[in-house]
């Protein structure tokens, strides 16, 4: 990675506001407190939710019980079967929920002219790995099976998410390839976590001072994984998967001032080396999480628009 890129002034403003608020680091509070802090933070930086054609709360059957889902139909999509993006929210597998990512799901649905199903998978540390993976796989399979009833086109599905959700998207894509589907048109990997070894230069260069820190990522890892033995499990670290070939095309977004930048780049490069079609959008001046900060970071809308175009093209 390069170190001469300039931090986006709007991202710099967000960092300054967080410092002024003197919010404690996630790793210094309980998981429940961290979740509440995250919800409050999302409310402060998220733009107003745009109108969509419809919003419907659903429930899928999962291995740990019912999995709450929220189905968005993009504005102007009509009543017929439309393609669908399965969306897995970020938050380190510990924080975040359907509500914290409501705006980005609405914007993606509108930008792509599709449906988005947001998945409220089980969180750590109450539910350790691989609970989140199992829920995301189960939700994807359930939506594929129920597509006709839901007014969706089960032959035009994609997976996507930010950070931990990017990780889960990559894992669901791998699982679908090896277990008979559903056939996916695209994996939208937004600053994804791909390697729990966490030994990339970006952790040292960007691991302090840009909201997501190296210390917080270690806390997430400790909360999510059962033991260090899980680090090498591809369902936790998809970069460790023995075979990345025959996967759906990937649209990978990385940010220059993000400790996860290098592993996102590495995953994009490994996919390309395995023959997968990859579009890598690198935003050198951005921070981790910027796409959910559209109230204060204008680049968020541009990134969502471009992701929507990629989804539209994949669904054709």
C-alpha atoms as a PDB file:
ATOM      1  CA  UNK A   1       0.000   0.000   0.000  1.00  0.00           C
ATOM      2  CA  UNK A   2       1.071   3.612  -0.461  1.00  0.00           C
ATOM      3  CA  UNK A   3       1.429   6.111   2.359  1.00  0.00           C
ATOM      4  CA  UNK A   4       1.395   9.355   0.376  1.00  0.00           C
ATOM      5  CA  UNK A   5      -2.358   9.505  -0.214  1.00  0.00           C
ATOM      6  CA  UNK A   6      -4.259  12.332   1.425  1.00  0.00           C
ATOM      7  CA  UNK A   7      -7.122  11.696   3.797  1.00  0.00           C
ATOM      8  CA  UNK A   8     -10.451  12.899   2.419  1.00  0.00           C
ATOM      9  CA  UNK A   9     -11.328  16.170   4.241  1.00  0.00           C
ATOM     10  CA  UNK A  10     -14.836  14.937   4.996  1.00  0.00           C
ATOM     11  CA  UNK A  11     -13.460  11.719   6.502  1.00  0.00           C
ATOM     12  CA  UNK A  12     -11.055  13.868   8.506  1.00  0.00           C
ATOM     13  CA  UNK A  13     -14.031  15.819   9.822  1.00  0.00           C
ATOM     14  CA  UNK A  14     -15.754  12.600  10.923  1.00  0.00           C
ATOM     15  CA  UNK A  15     -12.624  11.506  12.788  1.00  0.00           C
ATOM     16  CA  UNK A  16     -12.421  14.909  14.494  1.00  0.00           C
ATOM     17  CA  UNK A  17     -16.072  14.720  15.559  1.00  0.00           C
ATOM     18  CA  UNK A  18     -15.579  11.243  17.043  1.00  0.00           C
ATOM     19  CA  UNK A  19     -12.541  12.478  18.969  1.00  0.00           C
ATOM     20  CA  UNK A  20     -14.500  15.445  20.289  1.00  0.00           C
ATOM     21  CA  UNK A  21     -17.255  13.124  21.470  1.00  0.00           C
ATOM     22  CA  UNK A  22     -14.677  11.206  23.527  1.00  0.00           C
ATOM     23  CA  UNK A  23     -16.428   7.957  22.833  1.00  0.00           C
ATOM     24  CA  UNK A  24     -14.738   5.021  24.551  1.00  0.00           C
ATOM     25  CA  UNK A  25     -13.155   2.372  22.370  1.00  0.00           C
ATOM     26  CA  UNK A  26     -15.356  -0.641  21.698  1.00  0.00           C
ATOM     27  CA  UNK A  27     -12.819  -2.972  23.276  1.00  0.00           C
ATOM     28  CA  UNK A  28     -13.132  -1.123  26.624  1.00  0.00           C
ATOM     29  CA  UNK A  29     -16.876  -1.727  27.041  1.00  0.00           C
ATOM     30  CA  UNK A  30     -19.251  -4.684  26.951  1.00  0.00           C
ATOM     31  CA  UNK A  31     -20.697  -6.030  23.720  1.00  0.00           C
ATOM     32  CA  UNK A  32     -24.115  -4.642  24.660  1.00  0.00           C
ATOM     33  CA  UNK A  33     -22.652  -1.201  25.306  1.00  0.00           C
ATOM     34  CA  UNK A  34     -20.671  -1.353  22.067  1.00  0.00           C
ATOM     35  CA  UNK A  35     -23.855  -2.130  20.141  1.00  0.00           C
ATOM     36  CA  UNK A  36     -25.639   0.855  21.628  1.00  0.00           C
ATOM     37  CA  UNK A  37     -22.670   3.129  20.892  1.00  0.00           C
ATOM     38  CA  UNK A  38     -22.603   1.881  17.319  1.00  0.00           C
ATOM     39  CA  UNK A  39     -26.333   2.522  16.857  1.00  0.00           C
ATOM     40  CA  UNK A  40     -25.904   6.062  18.157  1.00  0.00           C
ATOM     41  CA  UNK A  41     -22.925   6.608  15.887  1.00  0.00           C
ATOM     42  CA  UNK A  42     -24.783   5.351  12.802  1.00  0.00           C
ATOM     43  CA  UNK A  43     -27.665   7.726  13.520  1.00  0.00           C
ATOM     44  CA  UNK A  44     -25.251  10.667  13.616  1.00  0.00           C
ATOM     45  CA  UNK A  45     -23.525   9.959  10.294  1.00  0.00           C
ATOM     46  CA  UNK A  46     -26.250   8.295   8.195  1.00  0.00           C
ATOM     47  CA  UNK A  47     -28.245  10.450   5.758  1.00  0.00           C
ATOM     48  CA  UNK A  48     -32.020  10.519   5.765  1.00  0.00           C
ATOM     49  CA  UNK A  49     -33.460   7.201   4.550  1.00  0.00           C
ATOM     50  CA  UNK A  50     -34.614   7.497   0.932  1.00  0.00           C
ATOM     51  CA  UNK A  51     -38.015   6.227  -0.103  1.00  0.00           C
ATOM     52  CA  UNK A  52     -38.164   2.768  -1.660  1.00  0.00           C
ATOM     53  CA  UNK A  53     -41.082   0.944  -3.259  1.00  0.00           C
ATOM     54  CA  UNK A  54     -41.718  -1.178  -0.174  1.00  0.00           C
ATOM     55  CA  UNK A  55     -40.174  -2.533   3.017  1.00  0.00           C
ATOM     56  CA  UNK A  56     -41.217  -5.833   4.554  1.00  0.00           C
ATOM     57  CA  UNK A  57     -39.926  -7.609   7.650  1.00  0.00           C
ATOM     58  CA  UNK A  58     -39.605 -11.378   7.232  1.00  0.00           C
ATOM     59  CA  UNK A  59     -38.246 -14.370   9.086  1.00  0.00           C
ATOM     60  CA  UNK A  60     -36.200 -17.249   7.705  1.00  0.00           C
ATOM     61  CA  UNK A  61     -35.644 -20.630   9.281  1.00  0.00           C
ATOM     62  CA  UNK A  62     -32.099 -21.059  10.551  1.00  0.00           C
ATOM     63  CA  UNK A  63     -30.032 -23.566  12.503  1.00  0.00           C
ATOM     64  CA  UNK A  64     -30.273 -21.431  15.633  1.00  0.00           C
ATOM     65  CA  UNK A  65     -33.910 -20.465  15.230  1.00  0.00           C
ATOM     66  CA  UNK A  66     -35.658 -17.744  13.263  1.00  0.00           C
ATOM     67  CA  UNK A  67     -33.448 -15.279  11.377  1.00  0.00           C
ATOM     68  CA  UNK A  68     -34.980 -11.788  11.044  1.00  0.00           C
ATOM     69  CA  UNK A  69     -34.804 -10.354   7.527  1.00  0.00           C
ATOM     70  CA  UNK A  70     -35.830  -7.061   5.963  1.00  0.00           C
ATOM     71  CA  UNK A  71     -36.839  -7.003   2.300  1.00  0.00           C
ATOM     72  CA  UNK A  72     -36.505  -3.741   0.386  1.00  0.00           C
ATOM     73  CA  UNK A  73     -37.817  -3.282  -3.141  1.00  0.00           C
ATOM     74  CA  UNK A  74     -36.069  -0.440  -4.940  1.00  0.00           C
ATOM     75  CA  UNK A  75     -38.069   2.561  -6.088  1.00  0.00           C
ATOM     76  CA  UNK A  76     -39.729   1.994  -9.453  1.00  0.00           C
ATOM     77  CA  UNK A  77     -39.109  -1.755  -9.550  1.00  0.00           C
ATOM     78  CA  UNK A  78     -42.781  -2.644 -10.030  1.00  0.00           C
ATOM     79  CA  UNK A  79     -44.556  -5.812  -8.965  1.00  0.00           C
ATOM     80  CA  UNK A  80     -42.876  -8.456 -11.131  1.00  0.00           C
ATOM     81  CA  UNK A  81     -40.035 -10.750 -10.032  1.00  0.00           C
ATOM     82  CA  UNK A  82     -36.905  -8.652  -9.558  1.00  0.00           C
ATOM     83  CA  UNK A  83     -33.290  -9.587  -8.813  1.00  0.00           C
ATOM     84  CA  UNK A  84     -32.135  -9.586  -5.209  1.00  0.00           C
ATOM     85  CA  UNK A  85     -29.017  -8.724  -3.244  1.00  0.00           C
ATOM     86  CA  UNK A  86     -28.560 -10.619   0.022  1.00  0.00           C
ATOM     87  CA  UNK A  87     -26.965  -8.037   2.319  1.00  0.00           C
ATOM     88  CA  UNK A  88     -24.927  -8.892   5.414  1.00  0.00           C
ATOM     89  CA  UNK A  89     -24.196  -5.920   7.663  1.00  0.00           C
ATOM     90  CA  UNK A  90     -20.833  -4.973   9.094  1.00  0.00           C
ATOM     91  CA  UNK A  91     -19.863  -4.508  12.722  1.00  0.00           C
ATOM     92  CA  UNK A  92     -17.120  -6.989  13.489  1.00  0.00           C
ATOM     93  CA  UNK A  93     -19.548  -9.911  13.922  1.00  0.00           C
ATOM     94  CA  UNK A  94     -20.342  -8.313  17.317  1.00  0.00           C
ATOM     95  CA  UNK A  95     -22.238  -5.076  16.637  1.00  0.00           C
ATOM     96  CA  UNK A  96     -24.546  -3.753  13.921  1.00  0.00           C
ATOM     97  CA  UNK A  97     -28.003  -4.891  12.886  1.00  0.00           C
ATOM     98  CA  UNK A  98     -30.705  -4.401  10.270  1.00  0.00           C
ATOM     99  CA  UNK A  99     -31.444  -0.871  11.512  1.00  0.00           C
ATOM    100  CA  UNK A 100     -27.839   0.376  11.496  1.00  0.00           C
ATOM    101  CA  UNK A 101     -27.608  -0.485   7.789  1.00  0.00           C
ATOM    102  CA  UNK A 102     -31.128   0.531   6.778  1.00  0.00           C
ATOM    103  CA  UNK A 103     -30.039   3.547   4.737  1.00  0.00           C
ATOM    104  CA  UNK A 104     -27.303   1.798   2.770  1.00  0.00           C
ATOM    105  CA  UNK A 105     -29.704  -1.050   1.911  1.00  0.00           C
ATOM    106  CA  UNK A 106     -32.312   1.426   0.693  1.00  0.00           C
ATOM    107  CA  UNK A 107     -29.734   3.254  -1.397  1.00  0.00           C
ATOM    108  CA  UNK A 108     -28.387   0.051  -2.919  1.00  0.00           C
ATOM    109  CA  UNK A 109     -31.916  -1.126  -3.783  1.00  0.00           C
ATOM    110  CA  UNK A 110     -32.626   2.156  -5.538  1.00  0.00           C
ATOM    111  CA  UNK A 111     -29.230   2.391  -7.235  1.00  0.00           C
ATOM    112  CA  UNK A 112     -29.409  -1.148  -8.607  1.00  0.00           C
ATOM    113  CA  UNK A 113     -33.145  -1.251  -9.296  1.00  0.00           C
ATOM    114  CA  UNK A 114     -33.371  -4.482  -7.345  1.00  0.00           C
ATOM    115  CA  UNK A 115     -34.514  -5.953  -4.069  1.00  0.00           C
ATOM    116  CA  UNK A 116     -32.235  -6.113  -1.050  1.00  0.00           C
ATOM    117  CA  UNK A 117     -32.707  -8.619   1.759  1.00  0.00           C
ATOM    118  CA  UNK A 118     -30.855  -7.523   4.896  1.00  0.00           C
ATOM    119  CA  UNK A 119     -29.986 -10.388   7.242  1.00  0.00           C
ATOM    120  CA  UNK A 120     -29.974 -10.024  11.037  1.00  0.00           C
ATOM    121  CA  UNK A 121     -27.578 -12.899  11.700  1.00  0.00           C
ATOM    122  CA  UNK A 122     -26.584 -14.006  15.203  1.00  0.00           C
ATOM    123  CA  UNK A 123     -23.836 -11.955  16.849  1.00  0.00           C
ATOM    124  CA  UNK A 124     -20.790 -12.816  18.938  1.00  0.00           C
ATOM    125  CA  UNK A 125     -19.753 -13.287  21.666  1.00  0.00           C
ATOM    126  CA  UNK A 126     -23.119 -14.815  22.555  1.00  0.00           C
ATOM    127  CA  UNK A 127     -23.006 -16.805  19.323  1.00  0.00           C
ATOM    128  CA  UNK A 128     -19.481 -17.717  18.295  1.00  0.00           C
ATOM    129  CA  UNK A 129     -18.211 -18.642  14.837  1.00  0.00           C
ATOM    130  CA  UNK A 130     -19.610 -20.233  12.735  1.00  0.00           C
ATOM    131  CA  UNK A 131     -23.098 -19.078  13.853  1.00  0.00           C
ATOM    132  CA  UNK A 132     -23.066 -15.948  11.658  1.00  0.00           C
ATOM    133  CA  UNK A 133     -21.878 -17.988   8.672  1.00  0.00           C
ATOM    134  CA  UNK A 134     -24.600 -20.585   9.184  1.00  0.00           C
ATOM    135  CA  UNK A 135     -27.308 -17.920   9.432  1.00  0.00           C
ATOM    136  CA  UNK A 136     -26.179 -16.121   6.272  1.00  0.00           C
ATOM    137  CA  UNK A 137     -26.076 -19.379   4.307  1.00  0.00           C
ATOM    138  CA  UNK A 138     -29.489 -20.413   5.642  1.00  0.00           C
ATOM    139  CA  UNK A 139     -31.017 -17.001   4.861  1.00  0.00           C
ATOM    140  CA  UNK A 140     -29.629 -17.052   1.322  1.00  0.00           C
ATOM    141  CA  UNK A 141     -30.975 -20.535   0.681  1.00  0.00           C
ATOM    142  CA  UNK A 142     -34.346 -19.634   2.196  1.00  0.00           C
ATOM    143  CA  UNK A 143     -34.732 -16.552  -0.014  1.00  0.00           C
ATOM    144  CA  UNK A 144     -33.769 -18.595  -3.083  1.00  0.00           C
ATOM    145  CA  UNK A 145     -36.403 -21.195  -2.196  1.00  0.00           C
ATOM    146  CA  UNK A 146     -39.082 -18.594  -1.440  1.00  0.00           C
ATOM    147  CA  UNK A 147     -38.221 -16.243  -4.298  1.00  0.00           C
ATOM    148  CA  UNK A 148     -41.406 -16.823  -6.264  1.00  0.00           C
ATOM    149  CA  UNK A 149     -43.596 -16.178  -3.242  1.00  0.00           C
ATOM    150  CA  UNK A 150     -41.654 -13.012  -2.406  1.00  0.00           C
ATOM    151  CA  UNK A 151     -41.803 -11.555  -5.915  1.00  0.00           C
ATOM    152  CA  UNK A 152     -38.097 -12.114  -6.463  1.00  0.00           C
ATOM    153  CA  UNK A 153     -36.111 -13.699  -9.274  1.00  0.00           C
ATOM    154  CA  UNK A 154     -34.191 -16.554  -7.672  1.00  0.00           C
ATOM    155  CA  UNK A 155     -32.046 -16.939 -10.790  1.00  0.00           C
ATOM    156  CA  UNK A 156     -30.660 -13.431 -10.344  1.00  0.00           C
ATOM    157  CA  UNK A 157     -29.163 -13.276  -6.862  1.00  0.00           C
ATOM    158  CA  UNK A 158     -26.069 -11.582  -5.451  1.00  0.00           C
ATOM    159  CA  UNK A 159     -24.447 -11.381  -2.038  1.00  0.00           C
ATOM    160  CA  UNK A 160     -22.845  -8.333  -0.498  1.00  0.00           C
ATOM    161  CA  UNK A 161     -21.918  -6.546   2.677  1.00  0.00           C
ATOM    162  CA  UNK A 162     -19.478  -4.244   4.390  1.00  0.00           C
ATOM    163  CA  UNK A 163     -16.509  -5.249   6.579  1.00  0.00           C
ATOM    164  CA  UNK A 164     -17.671  -8.326   8.526  1.00  0.00           C
ATOM    165  CA  UNK A 165     -20.518  -8.474   6.029  1.00  0.00           C
ATOM    166  CA  UNK A 166     -18.003  -8.545   3.183  1.00  0.00           C
ATOM    167  CA  UNK A 167     -16.331 -11.453   4.911  1.00  0.00           C
ATOM    168  CA  UNK A 168     -19.647 -13.289   5.230  1.00  0.00           C
ATOM    169  CA  UNK A 169     -20.503 -12.554   1.580  1.00  0.00           C
ATOM    170  CA  UNK A 170     -17.248 -14.106   0.389  1.00  0.00           C
ATOM    171  CA  UNK A 171     -17.866 -17.158   2.558  1.00  0.00           C
ATOM    172  CA  UNK A 172     -21.470 -17.573   1.356  1.00  0.00           C
ATOM    173  CA  UNK A 173     -20.243 -17.382  -2.244  1.00  0.00           C
ATOM    174  CA  UNK A 174     -17.691 -20.130  -1.570  1.00  0.00           C
ATOM    175  CA  UNK A 175     -20.287 -22.295   0.149  1.00  0.00           C
ATOM    176  CA  UNK A 176     -22.836 -21.830  -2.650  1.00  0.00           C
ATOM    177  CA  UNK A 177     -20.236 -22.871  -5.234  1.00  0.00           C
ATOM    178  CA  UNK A 178     -19.513 -26.096  -3.391  1.00  0.00           C
ATOM    179  CA  UNK A 179     -23.050 -27.010  -2.325  1.00  0.00           C
ATOM    180  CA  UNK A 180     -25.148 -26.680  -5.451  1.00  0.00           C
ATOM    181  CA  UNK A 181     -26.064 -23.015  -5.293  1.00  0.00           C
ATOM    182  CA  UNK A 182     -27.894 -20.809  -5.365  1.00  0.00           C
ATOM    183  CA  UNK A 183     -26.108 -19.538  -8.456  1.00  0.00           C
ATOM    184  CA  UNK A 184     -24.888 -16.031  -7.653  1.00  0.00           C
ATOM    185  CA  UNK A 185     -24.348 -13.260 -10.184  1.00  0.00           C
ATOM    186  CA  UNK A 186     -22.022 -11.088  -8.073  1.00  0.00           C
ATOM    187  CA  UNK A 187     -20.280 -10.792  -4.725  1.00  0.00           C
ATOM    188  CA  UNK A 188     -20.169  -7.172  -3.538  1.00  0.00           C
ATOM    189  CA  UNK A 189     -17.312  -7.030  -1.042  1.00  0.00           C
ATOM    190  CA  UNK A 190     -17.152  -3.656   0.694  1.00  0.00           C
ATOM    191  CA  UNK A 191     -13.839  -3.225   2.589  1.00  0.00           C
ATOM    192  CA  UNK A 192     -14.026  -6.917   3.520  1.00  0.00           C
ATOM    193  CA  UNK A 193     -12.190  -8.699   6.315  1.00  0.00           C
ATOM    194  CA  UNK A 194     -10.638 -11.745   4.656  1.00  0.00           C
ATOM    195  CA  UNK A 195      -7.802 -12.950   6.897  1.00  0.00           C
ATOM    196  CA  UNK A 196      -7.974 -13.223  10.685  1.00  0.00           C
ATOM    197  CA  UNK A 197      -4.185 -13.539  10.881  1.00  0.00           C
ATOM    198  CA  UNK A 198      -4.262  -9.717  10.672  1.00  0.00           C
ATOM    199  CA  UNK A 199      -0.573  -9.369   9.835  1.00  0.00           C
ATOM    200  CA  UNK A 200      -0.702  -6.945   6.896  1.00  0.00           C
ATOM    201  CA  UNK A 201       1.209  -3.634   6.734  1.00  0.00           C
ATOM    202  CA  UNK A 202      -2.046  -1.655   6.679  1.00  0.00           C
ATOM    203  CA  UNK A 203      -2.689  -2.777  10.263  1.00  0.00           C
ATOM    204  CA  UNK A 204       0.490  -1.010  11.324  1.00  0.00           C
ATOM    205  CA  UNK A 205       0.149   2.004   9.026  1.00  0.00           C
ATOM    206  CA  UNK A 206      -3.603   2.599   9.464  1.00  0.00           C
ATOM    207  CA  UNK A 207      -4.337   0.702  12.664  1.00  0.00           C
ATOM    208  CA  UNK A 208      -4.651   3.766  14.886  1.00  0.00           C
ATOM    209  CA  UNK A 209      -6.303   7.128  14.358  1.00  0.00           C
ATOM    210  CA  UNK A 210      -8.798   6.280  11.594  1.00  0.00           C
ATOM    211  CA  UNK A 211     -11.782   5.033  13.637  1.00  0.00           C
ATOM    212  CA  UNK A 212     -11.329   1.276  13.146  1.00  0.00           C
ATOM    213  CA  UNK A 213      -8.216   0.299  15.071  1.00  0.00           C
ATOM    214  CA  UNK A 214      -5.989  -2.744  15.244  1.00  0.00           C
ATOM    215  CA  UNK A 215      -6.961  -3.143  18.917  1.00  0.00           C
ATOM    216  CA  UNK A 216     -10.673  -3.146  18.055  1.00  0.00           C
ATOM    217  CA  UNK A 217     -10.130  -5.743  15.345  1.00  0.00           C
ATOM    218  CA  UNK A 218      -8.342  -7.981  17.860  1.00  0.00           C
ATOM    219  CA  UNK A 219     -11.322  -7.564  20.212  1.00  0.00           C
ATOM    220  CA  UNK A 220     -13.707  -8.532  17.417  1.00  0.00           C
ATOM    221  CA  UNK A 221     -11.571 -11.571  16.608  1.00  0.00           C
ATOM    222  CA  UNK A 222     -11.504 -12.694  20.235  1.00  0.00           C
ATOM    223  CA  UNK A 223     -15.263 -12.253  20.538  1.00  0.00           C
ATOM    224  CA  UNK A 224     -16.095 -14.061  17.297  1.00  0.00           C
ATOM    225  CA  UNK A 225     -13.690 -16.983  17.030  1.00  0.00           C
ATOM    226  CA  UNK A 226     -13.795 -19.962  19.359  1.00  0.00           C
ATOM    227  CA  UNK A 227     -10.006 -20.199  19.468  1.00  0.00           C
ATOM    228  CA  UNK A 228      -6.952 -19.328  17.389  1.00  0.00           C
ATOM    229  CA  UNK A 229      -7.499 -22.593  15.524  1.00  0.00           C
ATOM    230  CA  UNK A 230     -10.405 -20.909  13.713  1.00  0.00           C
ATOM    231  CA  UNK A 231      -8.088 -18.325  12.117  1.00  0.00           C
ATOM    232  CA  UNK A 232      -7.139 -20.797   9.391  1.00  0.00           C
ATOM    233  CA  UNK A 233     -10.704 -21.954   8.719  1.00  0.00           C
ATOM    234  CA  UNK A 234     -11.749 -20.515   5.348  1.00  0.00           C
ATOM    235  CA  UNK A 235     -15.236 -19.880   6.727  1.00  0.00           C
ATOM    236  CA  UNK A 236     -13.575 -17.297   8.988  1.00  0.00           C
ATOM    237  CA  UNK A 237     -10.687 -16.302   6.691  1.00  0.00           C
ATOM    238  CA  UNK A 238     -11.831 -16.763   3.083  1.00  0.00           C
ATOM    239  CA  UNK A 239      -8.362 -15.784   1.868  1.00  0.00           C
ATOM    240  CA  UNK A 240      -7.255 -19.161   3.266  1.00  0.00           C
ATOM    241  CA  UNK A 241      -9.701 -21.077   1.057  1.00  0.00           C
ATOM    242  CA  UNK A 242      -7.751 -23.722  -0.900  1.00  0.00           C
ATOM    243  CA  UNK A 243      -9.558 -22.914  -4.160  1.00  0.00           C
ATOM    244  CA  UNK A 244     -10.973 -19.535  -5.217  1.00  0.00           C
ATOM    245  CA  UNK A 245     -11.807 -20.526  -8.773  1.00  0.00           C
ATOM    246  CA  UNK A 246     -15.298 -20.786 -10.287  1.00  0.00           C
ATOM    247  CA  UNK A 247     -16.687 -18.084  -8.007  1.00  0.00           C
ATOM    248  CA  UNK A 248     -19.117 -15.371  -9.102  1.00  0.00           C
ATOM    249  CA  UNK A 249     -17.628 -12.096 -10.313  1.00  0.00           C
ATOM    250  CA  UNK A 250     -16.557  -9.771  -7.529  1.00  0.00           C
ATOM    251  CA  UNK A 251     -16.850  -6.038  -7.039  1.00  0.00           C
ATOM    252  CA  UNK A 252     -14.362  -5.218  -4.298  1.00  0.00           C
ATOM    253  CA  UNK A 253     -14.203  -1.840  -2.565  1.00  0.00           C
ATOM    254  CA  UNK A 254     -11.199  -0.892  -0.428  1.00  0.00           C
ATOM    255  CA  UNK A 255     -10.263   2.316   1.393  1.00  0.00           C
ATOM    256  CA  UNK A 256      -6.741   3.663   1.750  1.00  0.00           C
ATOM    257  CA  UNK A 257      -6.986   4.714   5.416  1.00  0.00           C
ATOM    258  CA  UNK A 258      -8.361   1.377   6.574  1.00  0.00           C
ATOM    259  CA  UNK A 259      -6.456  -1.307   8.489  1.00  0.00           C
ATOM    260  CA  UNK A 260      -8.340  -3.889   6.391  1.00  0.00           C
ATOM    261  CA  UNK A 261      -7.163  -2.370   3.109  1.00  0.00           C
ATOM    262  CA  UNK A 262      -4.334  -4.804   2.397  1.00  0.00           C
ATOM    263  CA  UNK A 263      -6.348  -7.969   2.984  1.00  0.00           C
ATOM    264  CA  UNK A 264      -9.130  -6.639   0.759  1.00  0.00           C
ATOM    265  CA  UNK A 265      -6.582  -5.966  -1.981  1.00  0.00           C
ATOM    266  CA  UNK A 266      -5.044  -9.396  -1.401  1.00  0.00           C
ATOM    267  CA  UNK A 267      -8.408 -11.106  -1.777  1.00  0.00           C
ATOM    268  CA  UNK A 268      -9.167  -9.209  -4.997  1.00  0.00           C
ATOM    269  CA  UNK A 269      -5.770 -10.243  -6.363  1.00  0.00           C
ATOM    270  CA  UNK A 270      -6.218 -13.889  -5.332  1.00  0.00           C
ATOM    271  CA  UNK A 271      -9.627 -14.004  -6.992  1.00  0.00           C
ATOM    272  CA  UNK A 272      -8.119 -12.595 -10.198  1.00  0.00           C
ATOM    273  CA  UNK A 273      -5.291 -15.143 -10.043  1.00  0.00           C
ATOM    274  CA  UNK A 274      -7.908 -17.892  -9.778  1.00  0.00           C
ATOM    275  CA  UNK A 275      -9.636 -16.683 -12.933  1.00  0.00           C
ATOM    276  CA  UNK A 276     -12.519 -14.822 -11.308  1.00  0.00           C
ATOM    277  CA  UNK A 277     -13.699 -11.583 -12.934  1.00  0.00           C
ATOM    278  CA  UNK A 278     -12.920  -8.786 -10.464  1.00  0.00           C
ATOM    279  CA  UNK A 279     -13.524  -5.051 -10.462  1.00  0.00           C
ATOM    280  CA  UNK A 280     -11.495  -3.462  -7.690  1.00  0.00           C
ATOM    281  CA  UNK A 281     -12.545   0.054  -6.669  1.00  0.00           C
ATOM    282  CA  UNK A 282      -9.910   1.550  -4.359  1.00  0.00           C
ATOM    283  CA  UNK A 283     -10.648   4.886  -2.695  1.00  0.00           C
ATOM    284  CA  UNK A 284      -7.239   6.019  -1.425  1.00  0.00           C
ATOM    285  CA  UNK A 285      -8.468   8.874   0.758  1.00  0.00           C
ATOM    286  CA  UNK A 286     -11.270   7.052   2.525  1.00  0.00           C
ATOM    287  CA  UNK A 287     -11.663   5.390   5.926  1.00  0.00           C
ATOM    288  CA  UNK A 288     -13.256   2.129   6.960  1.00  0.00           C
ATOM    289  CA  UNK A 289     -17.027   2.451   7.150  1.00  0.00           C
ATOM    290  CA  UNK A 290     -17.319   5.499   4.902  1.00  0.00           C
ATOM    291  CA  UNK A 291     -20.181   4.066   2.818  1.00  0.00           C
ATOM    292  CA  UNK A 292     -22.519   4.249   5.820  1.00  0.00           C
ATOM    293  CA  UNK A 293     -21.472   7.847   6.591  1.00  0.00           C
ATOM    294  CA  UNK A 294     -23.218   9.615   3.727  1.00  0.00           C
ATOM    295  CA  UNK A 295     -24.502  12.453   5.911  1.00  0.00           C
ATOM    296  CA  UNK A 296     -20.925  13.681   6.318  1.00  0.00           C
ATOM    297  CA  UNK A 297     -18.910  11.936   3.555  1.00  0.00           C
ATOM    298  CA  UNK A 298     -20.249  12.756   0.061  1.00  0.00           C
ATOM    299  CA  UNK A 299     -18.080  10.042  -1.534  1.00  0.00           C
ATOM    300  CA  UNK A 300     -20.402   7.455   0.034  1.00  0.00           C
ATOM    301  CA  UNK A 301     -23.161   8.189  -2.467  1.00  0.00           C
ATOM    302  CA  UNK A 302     -20.784   7.938  -5.415  1.00  0.00           C
ATOM    303  CA  UNK A 303     -19.527   4.579  -4.203  1.00  0.00           C
ATOM    304  CA  UNK A 304     -23.074   3.291  -3.739  1.00  0.00           C
ATOM    305  CA  UNK A 305     -24.031   4.508  -7.216  1.00  0.00           C
ATOM    306  CA  UNK A 306     -21.087   2.651  -8.769  1.00  0.00           C
ATOM    307  CA  UNK A 307     -21.890  -0.498  -6.788  1.00  0.00           C
ATOM    308  CA  UNK A 308     -25.476  -0.218  -8.008  1.00  0.00           C
ATOM    309  CA  UNK A 309     -24.264  -0.063 -11.604  1.00  0.00           C
ATOM    310  CA  UNK A 310     -22.184  -3.202 -11.041  1.00  0.00           C
ATOM    311  CA  UNK A 311     -25.219  -4.995  -9.653  1.00  0.00           C
ATOM    312  CA  UNK A 312     -27.391  -3.857 -12.551  1.00  0.00           C
ATOM    313  CA  UNK A 313     -24.845  -5.162 -15.053  1.00  0.00           C
ATOM    314  CA  UNK A 314     -24.537  -8.490 -13.224  1.00  0.00           C
ATOM    315  CA  UNK A 315     -28.308  -8.953 -13.122  1.00  0.00           C
ATOM    316  CA  UNK A 316     -28.805  -8.464 -16.877  1.00  0.00           C
END
